[in-house]
Amino acid sequence: MDSPIERKQIRWTPRPRTRPGLHVKTEKLPFQRPVIPHAQFPATAIMAAERIDVRAIGEFEIIAKSPFTVKLGQGGIAAVFRYGAVVLFNASMDEKARLLETIAQHSSGAGDTGAGETATIQVSPDEEEGPTGPCIKIKNADRLRLQLIAEVMAKAAMLSFQERRAARDFDLAEPLARDLAEDGRFSAKPAELLKAVGNMLLAENRLNGRAGVLDRPDLLWDNPGLSGLYARLEGDYELHDRAATLDRKLTTLSHTSETLVETMRYHSSHRLEVAILLLIFTELCLGLYGHFGH
């Protein structure tokens, strides 16, 4: 047996423990055949609807299901998301029109053409992957990289969609709050008030459970080498900051709707009390008239 002195002289250098995937670089990924052979091509994300039934889209060749990705006729591809976003790569105007026409048959709710994102994809095998100004550089235009870019651009388009709606709801709430501040009553009709309150109550539900903005894409679990590219894209599009800001706006709208509901309830109960008092007074006057009139 070793003596205590010999045991003290033992030098043990533990192997560094690293979580798998956090330090794997993108260039370590196995090479995959590019789905788009061009060195540069456009990428566009749009909000085509509020909800899309992707399982009903069967007119195009499906190349992946998570996210749902189809091949277009003239060398382009498109990723379709159930929360209404569509991301097109190297798509012509005819291909885009045909895809949107098909989606319109299997979607619900109105989209917003003003809420979208555009970028130029550049294939640069010798440069670092990630956004550079209006361009996104990748080492290879394979399916996995384009799907990851589609995930980020779709979430950014969805956030733009919700931000525009939140701004519209704030525009509806401002005159109502001004009415209360000036004379303590609403100038709008009850139906308009209820519609405004309904829009505010739905505002918070639009974000929750739809896109999972802060959720990690499923394809990263099987392809951890793309984590670096996703982190750079996520930071460039400011998904976390925009989601937090939007959440605060939606919380404010929710509190405003609750205040409006309570105010409407107070006015309704006040009018009911006045009506009851008038009925009691009328009944009392009729009773006194009947008693002293004869």
C-alpha atoms as a PDB file:
ATOM      1  CA  MET A   1       0.000   0.000   0.000  1.00  0.00           C
ATOM      2  CA  ASP A   2       1.108   3.551  -0.655  1.00  0.00           C
ATOM      3  CA  SER A   3       2.167   5.561   2.336  1.00  0.00           C
ATOM      4  CA  PRO A   4       0.309   8.813   3.211  1.00  0.00           C
ATOM      5  CA  ILE A   5       3.270  10.781   1.842  1.00  0.00           C
ATOM      6  CA  GLU A   6       3.134   8.969  -1.500  1.00  0.00           C
ATOM      7  CA  ARG A   7      -0.633   9.499  -1.745  1.00  0.00           C
ATOM      8  CA  LYS A   8      -0.181  13.221  -1.229  1.00  0.00           C
ATOM      9  CA  GLN A   9       2.211  13.354  -4.164  1.00  0.00           C
ATOM     10  CA  ILE A  10      -0.315  11.960  -6.607  1.00  0.00           C
ATOM     11  CA  ARG A  11      -1.350  14.593  -9.157  1.00  0.00           C
ATOM     12  CA  TRP A  12      -4.772  13.971 -10.735  1.00  0.00           C
ATOM     13  CA  THR A  13      -5.910  16.181 -13.607  1.00  0.00           C
ATOM     14  CA  PRO A  14      -9.638  15.642 -14.211  1.00  0.00           C
ATOM     15  CA  ARG A  15     -10.962  15.681 -17.758  1.00  0.00           C
ATOM     16  CA  PRO A  16     -12.975  18.861 -18.429  1.00  0.00           C
ATOM     17  CA  ARG A  17     -16.687  18.205 -18.395  1.00  0.00           C
ATOM     18  CA  THR A  18     -18.555  19.851 -21.225  1.00  0.00           C
ATOM     19  CA  ARG A  19     -22.173  19.623 -22.202  1.00  0.00           C
ATOM     20  CA  PRO A  20     -22.454  18.059 -25.649  1.00  0.00           C
ATOM     21  CA  GLY A  21     -23.200  20.498 -28.424  1.00  0.00           C
ATOM     22  CA  LEU A  22     -22.252  23.751 -26.722  1.00  0.00           C
ATOM     23  CA  HIS A  23     -18.751  23.896 -28.159  1.00  0.00           C
ATOM     24  CA  VAL A  24     -19.227  22.040 -31.423  1.00  0.00           C
ATOM     25  CA  LYS A  25     -18.558  24.318 -34.370  1.00  0.00           C
ATOM     26  CA  THR A  26     -20.639  24.387 -37.477  1.00  0.00           C
ATOM     27  CA  GLU A  27     -17.802  23.264 -39.687  1.00  0.00           C
ATOM     28  CA  LYS A  28     -17.720  19.941 -37.786  1.00  0.00           C
ATOM     29  CA  LEU A  29     -21.099  19.004 -39.243  1.00  0.00           C
ATOM     30  CA  PRO A  30     -21.081  16.292 -41.912  1.00  0.00           C
ATOM     31  CA  PHE A  31     -21.372  17.679 -45.408  1.00  0.00           C
ATOM     32  CA  GLN A  32     -24.838  17.577 -46.920  1.00  0.00           C
ATOM     33  CA  ARG A  33     -25.809  18.217 -50.495  1.00  0.00           C
ATOM     34  CA  PRO A  34     -27.062  21.813 -50.931  1.00  0.00           C
ATOM     35  CA  VAL A  35     -30.755  22.100 -51.778  1.00  0.00           C
ATOM     36  CA  ILE A  36     -30.095  25.421 -53.537  1.00  0.00           C
ATOM     37  CA  PRO A  37     -26.941  25.416 -55.698  1.00  0.00           C
ATOM     38  CA  HIS A  38     -26.582  29.197 -56.020  1.00  0.00           C
ATOM     39  CA  ALA A  39     -23.918  31.172 -54.166  1.00  0.00           C
ATOM     40  CA  GLN A  40     -26.401  33.948 -53.329  1.00  0.00           C
ATOM     41  CA  PHE A  41     -30.196  34.000 -53.197  1.00  0.00           C
ATOM     42  CA  PRO A  42     -32.989  35.901 -51.406  1.00  0.00           C
ATOM     43  CA  ALA A  43     -34.923  34.842 -48.322  1.00  0.00           C
ATOM     44  CA  THR A  44     -38.306  36.325 -47.423  1.00  0.00           C
ATOM     45  CA  ALA A  45     -40.512  35.727 -44.379  1.00  0.00           C
ATOM     46  CA  ILE A  46     -44.165  36.818 -44.451  1.00  0.00           C
ATOM     47  CA  MET A  47     -47.223  36.358 -42.275  1.00  0.00           C
ATOM     48  CA  ALA A  48     -49.714  34.699 -44.598  1.00  0.00           C
ATOM     49  CA  ALA A  49     -52.418  34.026 -41.993  1.00  0.00           C
ATOM     50  CA  GLU A  50     -53.036  33.621 -38.280  1.00  0.00           C
ATOM     51  CA  ARG A  51     -53.133  29.840 -38.465  1.00  0.00           C
ATOM     52  CA  ILE A  52     -52.144  27.333 -41.171  1.00  0.00           C
ATOM     53  CA  ASP A  53     -53.050  23.655 -41.322  1.00  0.00           C
ATOM     54  CA  VAL A  54     -49.718  22.422 -42.661  1.00  0.00           C
ATOM     55  CA  ARG A  55     -50.878  18.804 -42.748  1.00  0.00           C
ATOM     56  CA  ALA A  56     -53.425  19.670 -45.449  1.00  0.00           C
ATOM     57  CA  ILE A  57     -50.809  21.055 -47.842  1.00  0.00           C
ATOM     58  CA  GLY A  58     -50.111  18.193 -50.226  1.00  0.00           C
ATOM     59  CA  GLU A  59     -49.623  19.839 -53.609  1.00  0.00           C
ATOM     60  CA  PHE A  60     -45.862  20.284 -53.184  1.00  0.00           C
ATOM     61  CA  GLU A  61     -42.988  17.886 -52.689  1.00  0.00           C
ATOM     62  CA  ILE A  62     -42.296  17.637 -48.959  1.00  0.00           C
ATOM     63  CA  ILE A  63     -38.614  17.547 -48.030  1.00  0.00           C
ATOM     64  CA  ALA A  64     -38.944  17.913 -44.227  1.00  0.00           C
ATOM     65  CA  LYS A  65     -41.669  18.007 -41.592  1.00  0.00           C
ATOM     66  CA  SER A  66     -40.099  19.875 -38.669  1.00  0.00           C
ATOM     67  CA  PRO A  67     -40.358  22.609 -39.712  1.00  0.00           C
ATOM     68  CA  PHE A  68     -42.653  21.735 -42.599  1.00  0.00           C
ATOM     69  CA  THR A  69     -40.574  22.395 -45.730  1.00  0.00           C
ATOM     70  CA  VAL A  70     -41.608  21.957 -49.349  1.00  0.00           C
ATOM     71  CA  LYS A  71     -39.782  22.147 -52.651  1.00  0.00           C
ATOM     72  CA  LEU A  72     -40.937  24.712 -55.169  1.00  0.00           C
ATOM     73  CA  GLY A  73     -40.937  24.208 -58.895  1.00  0.00           C
ATOM     74  CA  GLN A  74     -37.994  26.307 -60.106  1.00  0.00           C
ATOM     75  CA  GLY A  75     -35.236  25.631 -57.589  1.00  0.00           C
ATOM     76  CA  GLY A  76     -36.672  27.306 -54.501  1.00  0.00           C
ATOM     77  CA  ILE A  77     -37.933  25.943 -51.201  1.00  0.00           C
ATOM     78  CA  ALA A  78     -40.372  27.223 -48.575  1.00  0.00           C
ATOM     79  CA  ALA A  79     -40.883  26.561 -44.861  1.00  0.00           C
ATOM     80  CA  VAL A  80     -44.481  26.811 -43.637  1.00  0.00           C
ATOM     81  CA  PHE A  81     -45.302  27.258 -39.945  1.00  0.00           C
ATOM     82  CA  ARG A  82     -48.613  26.546 -38.254  1.00  0.00           C
ATOM     83  CA  TYR A  83     -48.729  30.010 -36.619  1.00  0.00           C
ATOM     84  CA  GLY A  84     -49.042  31.647 -40.040  1.00  0.00           C
ATOM     85  CA  ALA A  85     -45.479  32.390 -41.104  1.00  0.00           C
ATOM     86  CA  VAL A  86     -44.031  31.359 -44.475  1.00  0.00           C
ATOM     87  CA  VAL A  87     -40.329  31.645 -45.320  1.00  0.00           C
ATOM     88  CA  LEU A  88     -39.308  31.417 -48.973  1.00  0.00           C
ATOM     89  CA  PHE A  89     -35.801  30.818 -50.310  1.00  0.00           C
ATOM     90  CA  ASN A  90     -34.929  31.588 -53.933  1.00  0.00           C
ATOM     91  CA  ALA A  91     -38.635  31.682 -54.876  1.00  0.00           C
ATOM     92  CA  SER A  92     -39.942  33.389 -57.998  1.00  0.00           C
ATOM     93  CA  MET A  93     -43.073  35.521 -57.988  1.00  0.00           C
ATOM     94  CA  ASP A  94     -45.072  32.762 -59.678  1.00  0.00           C
ATOM     95  CA  GLU A  95     -43.953  30.177 -57.138  1.00  0.00           C
ATOM     96  CA  LYS A  96     -44.763  32.525 -54.271  1.00  0.00           C
ATOM     97  CA  ALA A  97     -48.233  33.291 -55.661  1.00  0.00           C
ATOM     98  CA  ARG A  98     -48.994  29.590 -56.185  1.00  0.00           C
ATOM     99  CA  LEU A  99     -47.876  28.667 -52.670  1.00  0.00           C
ATOM    100  CA  LEU A 100     -49.870  31.469 -51.026  1.00  0.00           C
ATOM    101  CA  GLU A 101     -52.944  30.518 -53.056  1.00  0.00           C
ATOM    102  CA  THR A 102     -52.660  26.949 -51.780  1.00  0.00           C
ATOM    103  CA  ILE A 103     -52.090  28.094 -48.193  1.00  0.00           C
ATOM    104  CA  ALA A 104     -55.156  30.352 -48.341  1.00  0.00           C
ATOM    105  CA  GLN A 105     -57.316  27.248 -48.774  1.00  0.00           C
ATOM    106  CA  HIS A 106     -55.979  25.703 -45.548  1.00  0.00           C
ATOM    107  CA  SER A 107     -55.589  28.729 -43.281  1.00  0.00           C
ATOM    108  CA  SER A 108     -57.679  30.921 -41.004  1.00  0.00           C
ATOM    109  CA  GLY A 109     -57.395  34.534 -39.953  1.00  0.00           C
ATOM    110  CA  ALA A 110     -55.996  37.473 -41.851  1.00  0.00           C
ATOM    111  CA  GLY A 111     -52.265  37.843 -42.327  1.00  0.00           C
ATOM    112  CA  ASP A 112     -50.242  41.020 -42.639  1.00  0.00           C
ATOM    113  CA  THR A 113     -48.052  41.735 -45.644  1.00  0.00           C
ATOM    114  CA  GLY A 114     -46.350  44.574 -43.780  1.00  0.00           C
ATOM    115  CA  ALA A 115     -45.046  42.232 -41.078  1.00  0.00           C
ATOM    116  CA  GLY A 116     -42.137  40.422 -42.651  1.00  0.00           C
ATOM    117  CA  GLU A 117     -38.390  39.963 -42.868  1.00  0.00           C
ATOM    118  CA  THR A 118     -36.015  39.894 -45.828  1.00  0.00           C
ATOM    119  CA  ALA A 119     -32.401  38.808 -46.116  1.00  0.00           C
ATOM    120  CA  THR A 120     -29.833  37.710 -48.663  1.00  0.00           C
ATOM    121  CA  ILE A 121     -28.237  34.306 -48.163  1.00  0.00           C
ATOM    122  CA  GLN A 122     -24.565  34.109 -49.141  1.00  0.00           C
ATOM    123  CA  VAL A 123     -22.763  30.778 -49.347  1.00  0.00           C
ATOM    124  CA  SER A 124     -19.189  31.371 -48.131  1.00  0.00           C
ATOM    125  CA  PRO A 125     -17.415  28.126 -47.141  1.00  0.00           C
ATOM    126  CA  ASP A 126     -14.329  29.961 -45.795  1.00  0.00           C
ATOM    127  CA  GLU A 127     -16.094  32.613 -43.659  1.00  0.00           C
ATOM    128  CA  GLU A 128     -17.769  32.510 -40.280  1.00  0.00           C
ATOM    129  CA  GLU A 129     -21.450  31.725 -40.381  1.00  0.00           C
ATOM    130  CA  GLY A 130     -23.945  34.292 -39.218  1.00  0.00           C
ATOM    131  CA  PRO A 131     -25.629  37.593 -40.099  1.00  0.00           C
ATOM    132  CA  THR A 132     -23.547  40.393 -41.598  1.00  0.00           C
ATOM    133  CA  GLY A 133     -25.660  43.471 -42.270  1.00  0.00           C
ATOM    134  CA  PRO A 134     -28.494  42.528 -44.633  1.00  0.00           C
ATOM    135  CA  CYS A 135     -26.779  39.214 -45.498  1.00  0.00           C
ATOM    136  CA  ILE A 136     -26.651  35.855 -43.739  1.00  0.00           C
ATOM    137  CA  LYS A 137     -23.487  33.909 -44.501  1.00  0.00           C
ATOM    138  CA  ILE A 138     -23.482  30.128 -44.365  1.00  0.00           C
ATOM    139  CA  LYS A 139     -20.939  27.525 -45.368  1.00  0.00           C
ATOM    140  CA  ASN A 140     -23.388  25.378 -47.284  1.00  0.00           C
ATOM    141  CA  ALA A 141     -26.986  25.881 -48.460  1.00  0.00           C
ATOM    142  CA  ASP A 142     -28.112  22.508 -47.124  1.00  0.00           C
ATOM    143  CA  ARG A 143     -31.539  21.719 -45.777  1.00  0.00           C
ATOM    144  CA  LEU A 144     -30.646  21.958 -42.070  1.00  0.00           C
ATOM    145  CA  ARG A 145     -29.086  25.409 -42.276  1.00  0.00           C
ATOM    146  CA  LEU A 146     -31.930  26.812 -44.342  1.00  0.00           C
ATOM    147  CA  GLN A 147     -34.484  25.327 -41.947  1.00  0.00           C
ATOM    148  CA  LEU A 148     -32.696  26.943 -39.020  1.00  0.00           C
ATOM    149  CA  ILE A 149     -32.677  30.325 -40.773  1.00  0.00           C
ATOM    150  CA  ALA A 150     -36.364  29.841 -41.553  1.00  0.00           C
ATOM    151  CA  GLU A 151     -37.098  29.204 -37.854  1.00  0.00           C
ATOM    152  CA  VAL A 152     -35.487  32.493 -36.818  1.00  0.00           C
ATOM    153  CA  MET A 153     -36.942  34.598 -39.645  1.00  0.00           C
ATOM    154  CA  ALA A 154     -40.426  33.161 -39.064  1.00  0.00           C
ATOM    155  CA  LYS A 155     -40.277  34.044 -35.366  1.00  0.00           C
ATOM    156  CA  ALA A 156     -39.070  37.550 -36.226  1.00  0.00           C
ATOM    157  CA  ALA A 157     -41.944  37.994 -38.689  1.00  0.00           C
ATOM    158  CA  MET A 158     -44.427  36.744 -36.101  1.00  0.00           C
ATOM    159  CA  LEU A 159     -43.093  39.246 -33.565  1.00  0.00           C
ATOM    160  CA  SER A 160     -43.464  42.061 -36.114  1.00  0.00           C
ATOM    161  CA  PHE A 161     -47.030  40.886 -36.716  1.00  0.00           C
ATOM    162  CA  GLN A 162     -47.853  40.973 -33.011  1.00  0.00           C
ATOM    163  CA  GLU A 163     -46.085  44.304 -32.490  1.00  0.00           C
ATOM    164  CA  ARG A 164     -48.189  45.931 -35.213  1.00  0.00           C
ATOM    165  CA  ARG A 165     -51.361  44.506 -33.677  1.00  0.00           C
ATOM    166  CA  ALA A 166     -50.379  45.657 -30.212  1.00  0.00           C
ATOM    167  CA  ALA A 167     -49.776  49.170 -31.561  1.00  0.00           C
ATOM    168  CA  ARG A 168     -53.237  49.116 -33.140  1.00  0.00           C
ATOM    169  CA  ASP A 169     -54.812  47.983 -29.868  1.00  0.00           C
ATOM    170  CA  PHE A 170     -53.016  50.785 -28.015  1.00  0.00           C
ATOM    171  CA  ASP A 171     -54.450  53.237 -30.528  1.00  0.00           C
ATOM    172  CA  LEU A 172     -57.934  51.920 -29.679  1.00  0.00           C
ATOM    173  CA  ALA A 173     -57.336  52.142 -25.940  1.00  0.00           C
ATOM    174  CA  GLU A 174     -55.964  55.708 -25.913  1.00  0.00           C
ATOM    175  CA  PRO A 175     -59.224  57.567 -26.755  1.00  0.00           C
ATOM    176  CA  LEU A 176     -61.111  55.447 -24.209  1.00  0.00           C
ATOM    177  CA  ALA A 177     -58.632  56.385 -21.487  1.00  0.00           C
ATOM    178  CA  ARG A 178     -58.851  60.048 -22.568  1.00  0.00           C
ATOM    179  CA  ASP A 179     -62.649  59.954 -22.219  1.00  0.00           C
ATOM    180  CA  LEU A 180     -62.345  58.646 -18.666  1.00  0.00           C
ATOM    181  CA  ALA A 181     -59.745  61.266 -17.784  1.00  0.00           C
ATOM    182  CA  GLU A 182     -61.794  64.186 -19.134  1.00  0.00           C
ATOM    183  CA  ASP A 183     -65.369  63.562 -17.974  1.00  0.00           C
ATOM    184  CA  GLY A 184     -65.448  60.070 -16.462  1.00  0.00           C
ATOM    185  CA  ARG A 185     -67.623  58.554 -19.194  1.00  0.00           C
ATOM    186  CA  PHE A 186     -67.198  56.905 -22.576  1.00  0.00           C
ATOM    187  CA  SER A 187     -68.118  58.627 -25.813  1.00  0.00           C
ATOM    188  CA  ALA A 188     -68.017  55.331 -27.748  1.00  0.00           C
ATOM    189  CA  LYS A 189     -71.030  53.099 -28.171  1.00  0.00           C
ATOM    190  CA  PRO A 190     -71.325  49.972 -25.982  1.00  0.00           C
ATOM    191  CA  ALA A 191     -70.733  47.686 -28.981  1.00  0.00           C
ATOM    192  CA  GLU A 192     -67.510  49.538 -29.833  1.00  0.00           C
ATOM    193  CA  LEU A 193     -66.389  49.323 -26.219  1.00  0.00           C
ATOM    194  CA  LEU A 194     -67.006  45.590 -26.091  1.00  0.00           C
ATOM    195  CA  LYS A 195     -65.128  45.107 -29.363  1.00  0.00           C
ATOM    196  CA  ALA A 196     -62.137  47.044 -28.048  1.00  0.00           C
ATOM    197  CA  VAL A 197     -62.144  45.042 -24.820  1.00  0.00           C
ATOM    198  CA  GLY A 198     -62.348  41.796 -26.796  1.00  0.00           C
ATOM    199  CA  ASN A 199     -59.331  42.749 -28.901  1.00  0.00           C
ATOM    200  CA  MET A 200     -57.346  43.523 -25.769  1.00  0.00           C
ATOM    201  CA  LEU A 201     -58.316  40.240 -24.112  1.00  0.00           C
ATOM    202  CA  LEU A 202     -57.200  38.348 -27.210  1.00  0.00           C
ATOM    203  CA  ALA A 203     -53.918  40.250 -27.495  1.00  0.00           C
ATOM    204  CA  GLU A 204     -52.041  38.254 -24.864  1.00  0.00           C
ATOM    205  CA  ASN A 205     -53.365  34.963 -26.204  1.00  0.00           C
ATOM    206  CA  ARG A 206     -51.944  35.697 -29.661  1.00  0.00           C
ATOM    207  CA  LEU A 207     -48.377  35.293 -28.469  1.00  0.00           C
ATOM    208  CA  ASN A 208     -48.692  32.525 -25.895  1.00  0.00           C
ATOM    209  CA  GLY A 209     -48.701  29.022 -27.274  1.00  0.00           C
ATOM    210  CA  ARG A 210     -48.346  30.062 -30.909  1.00  0.00           C
ATOM    211  CA  ALA A 211     -44.744  30.357 -32.008  1.00  0.00           C
ATOM    212  CA  GLY A 212     -42.746  29.512 -28.888  1.00  0.00           C
ATOM    213  CA  VAL A 213     -40.384  32.403 -29.574  1.00  0.00           C
ATOM    214  CA  LEU A 214     -38.052  31.502 -26.734  1.00  0.00           C
ATOM    215  CA  ASP A 215     -38.157  27.761 -27.394  1.00  0.00           C
ATOM    216  CA  ARG A 216     -35.120  26.039 -28.831  1.00  0.00           C
ATOM    217  CA  PRO A 217     -35.780  24.623 -32.338  1.00  0.00           C
ATOM    218  CA  ASP A 218     -36.208  20.866 -32.408  1.00  0.00           C
ATOM    219  CA  LEU A 219     -33.597  20.339 -35.111  1.00  0.00           C
ATOM    220  CA  LEU A 220     -30.866  21.632 -32.785  1.00  0.00           C
ATOM    221  CA  TRP A 221     -31.278  18.648 -30.483  1.00  0.00           C
ATOM    222  CA  ASP A 222     -30.192  16.282 -33.259  1.00  0.00           C
ATOM    223  CA  ASN A 223     -27.740  18.765 -34.820  1.00  0.00           C
ATOM    224  CA  PRO A 224     -25.972  20.588 -31.960  1.00  0.00           C
ATOM    225  CA  GLY A 225     -23.289  21.828 -34.341  1.00  0.00           C
ATOM    226  CA  LEU A 226     -25.755  24.474 -35.546  1.00  0.00           C
ATOM    227  CA  SER A 227     -26.032  26.045 -32.086  1.00  0.00           C
ATOM    228  CA  GLY A 228     -23.493  28.745 -32.877  1.00  0.00           C
ATOM    229  CA  LEU A 229     -25.305  29.837 -36.026  1.00  0.00           C
ATOM    230  CA  TYR A 230     -28.645  29.866 -34.194  1.00  0.00           C
ATOM    231  CA  ALA A 231     -27.239  31.940 -31.320  1.00  0.00           C
ATOM    232  CA  ARG A 232     -25.873  34.558 -33.728  1.00  0.00           C
ATOM    233  CA  LEU A 233     -29.133  34.715 -35.694  1.00  0.00           C
ATOM    234  CA  GLU A 234     -31.210  34.913 -32.524  1.00  0.00           C
ATOM    235  CA  GLY A 235     -29.088  37.768 -31.226  1.00  0.00           C
ATOM    236  CA  ASP A 236     -29.140  39.676 -34.511  1.00  0.00           C
ATOM    237  CA  TYR A 237     -32.955  39.512 -34.765  1.00  0.00           C
ATOM    238  CA  GLU A 238     -33.262  40.329 -31.011  1.00  0.00           C
ATOM    239  CA  LEU A 239     -35.884  37.653 -30.440  1.00  0.00           C
ATOM    240  CA  HIS A 240     -35.567  37.614 -26.639  1.00  0.00           C
ATOM    241  CA  ASP A 241     -35.621  41.407 -26.228  1.00  0.00           C
ATOM    242  CA  ARG A 242     -38.524  41.875 -28.637  1.00  0.00           C
ATOM    243  CA  ALA A 243     -40.498  39.082 -26.991  1.00  0.00           C
ATOM    244  CA  ALA A 244     -39.960  40.617 -23.540  1.00  0.00           C
ATOM    245  CA  THR A 245     -41.015  44.072 -24.771  1.00  0.00           C
ATOM    246  CA  LEU A 246     -44.088  42.651 -26.470  1.00  0.00           C
ATOM    247  CA  ASP A 247     -44.989  40.727 -23.337  1.00  0.00           C
ATOM    248  CA  ARG A 248     -44.941  43.951 -21.310  1.00  0.00           C
ATOM    249  CA  LYS A 249     -47.165  45.662 -23.876  1.00  0.00           C
ATOM    250  CA  LEU A 250     -49.626  42.786 -23.862  1.00  0.00           C
ATOM    251  CA  THR A 251     -49.681  42.789 -20.062  1.00  0.00           C
ATOM    252  CA  THR A 252     -50.498  46.513 -20.140  1.00  0.00           C
ATOM    253  CA  LEU A 253     -53.306  45.858 -22.630  1.00  0.00           C
ATOM    254  CA  SER A 254     -54.643  43.087 -20.409  1.00  0.00           C
ATOM    255  CA  HIS A 255     -54.721  45.404 -17.389  1.00  0.00           C
ATOM    256  CA  THR A 256     -56.375  48.111 -19.504  1.00  0.00           C
ATOM    257  CA  SER A 257     -59.090  45.705 -20.621  1.00  0.00           C
ATOM    258  CA  GLU A 258     -59.735  44.694 -17.013  1.00  0.00           C
ATOM    259  CA  THR A 259     -60.038  48.361 -16.033  1.00  0.00           C
ATOM    260  CA  LEU A 260     -62.476  49.021 -18.881  1.00  0.00           C
ATOM    261  CA  VAL A 261     -64.585  46.009 -17.913  1.00  0.00           C
ATOM    262  CA  GLU A 262     -64.746  47.136 -14.296  1.00  0.00           C
ATOM    263  CA  THR A 263     -65.611  50.697 -15.372  1.00  0.00           C
ATOM    264  CA  MET A 264     -68.380  49.455 -17.680  1.00  0.00           C
ATOM    265  CA  ARG A 265     -69.698  47.263 -14.900  1.00  0.00           C
ATOM    266  CA  TYR A 266     -69.714  50.211 -12.499  1.00  0.00           C
ATOM    267  CA  HIS A 267     -71.603  52.402 -14.968  1.00  0.00           C
ATOM    268  CA  SER A 268     -74.109  49.624 -15.652  1.00  0.00           C
ATOM    269  CA  SER A 269     -74.721  48.995 -11.959  1.00  0.00           C
ATOM    270  CA  HIS A 270     -75.016  52.742 -11.332  1.00  0.00           C
ATOM    271  CA  ARG A 271     -77.638  53.111 -14.051  1.00  0.00           C
ATOM    272  CA  LEU A 272     -79.480  50.088 -12.674  1.00  0.00           C
ATOM    273  CA  GLU A 273     -79.536  51.617  -9.203  1.00  0.00           C
ATOM    274  CA  VAL A 274     -80.890  54.888 -10.590  1.00  0.00           C
ATOM    275  CA  ALA A 275     -83.589  52.994 -12.497  1.00  0.00           C
ATOM    276  CA  ILE A 276     -84.601  51.088  -9.346  1.00  0.00           C
ATOM    277  CA  LEU A 277     -84.783  54.321  -7.328  1.00  0.00           C
ATOM    278  CA  LEU A 278     -86.955  55.906 -10.029  1.00  0.00           C
ATOM    279  CA  LEU A 279     -89.302  52.906  -9.982  1.00  0.00           C
ATOM    280  CA  ILE A 280     -89.567  53.068  -6.191  1.00  0.00           C
ATOM    281  CA  PHE A 281     -90.217  56.809  -6.308  1.00  0.00           C
ATOM    282  CA  THR A 282     -92.871  56.352  -9.011  1.00  0.00           C
ATOM    283  CA  GLU A 283     -94.575  53.596  -7.049  1.00  0.00           C
ATOM    284  CA  LEU A 284     -94.508  55.749  -3.925  1.00  0.00           C
ATOM    285  CA  CYS A 285     -96.042  58.705  -5.797  1.00  0.00           C
ATOM    286  CA  LEU A 286     -98.790  56.505  -7.240  1.00  0.00           C
ATOM    287  CA  GLY A 287     -99.510  55.103  -3.806  1.00  0.00           C
ATOM    288  CA  LEU A 288     -99.769  58.535  -2.239  1.00  0.00           C
ATOM    289  CA  TYR A 289    -101.957  59.744  -5.079  1.00  0.00           C
ATOM    290  CA  GLY A 290    -104.252  56.763  -4.668  1.00  0.00           C
ATOM    291  CA  HIS A 291    -104.409  57.292  -0.919  1.00  0.00           C
ATOM    292  CA  PHE A 292    -105.042  61.023  -0.863  1.00  0.00           C
ATOM    293  CA  GLY A 293    -106.726  61.386  -4.236  1.00  0.00           C
ATOM    294  CA  HIS A 294    -109.930  59.788  -3.021  1.00  0.00           C
END
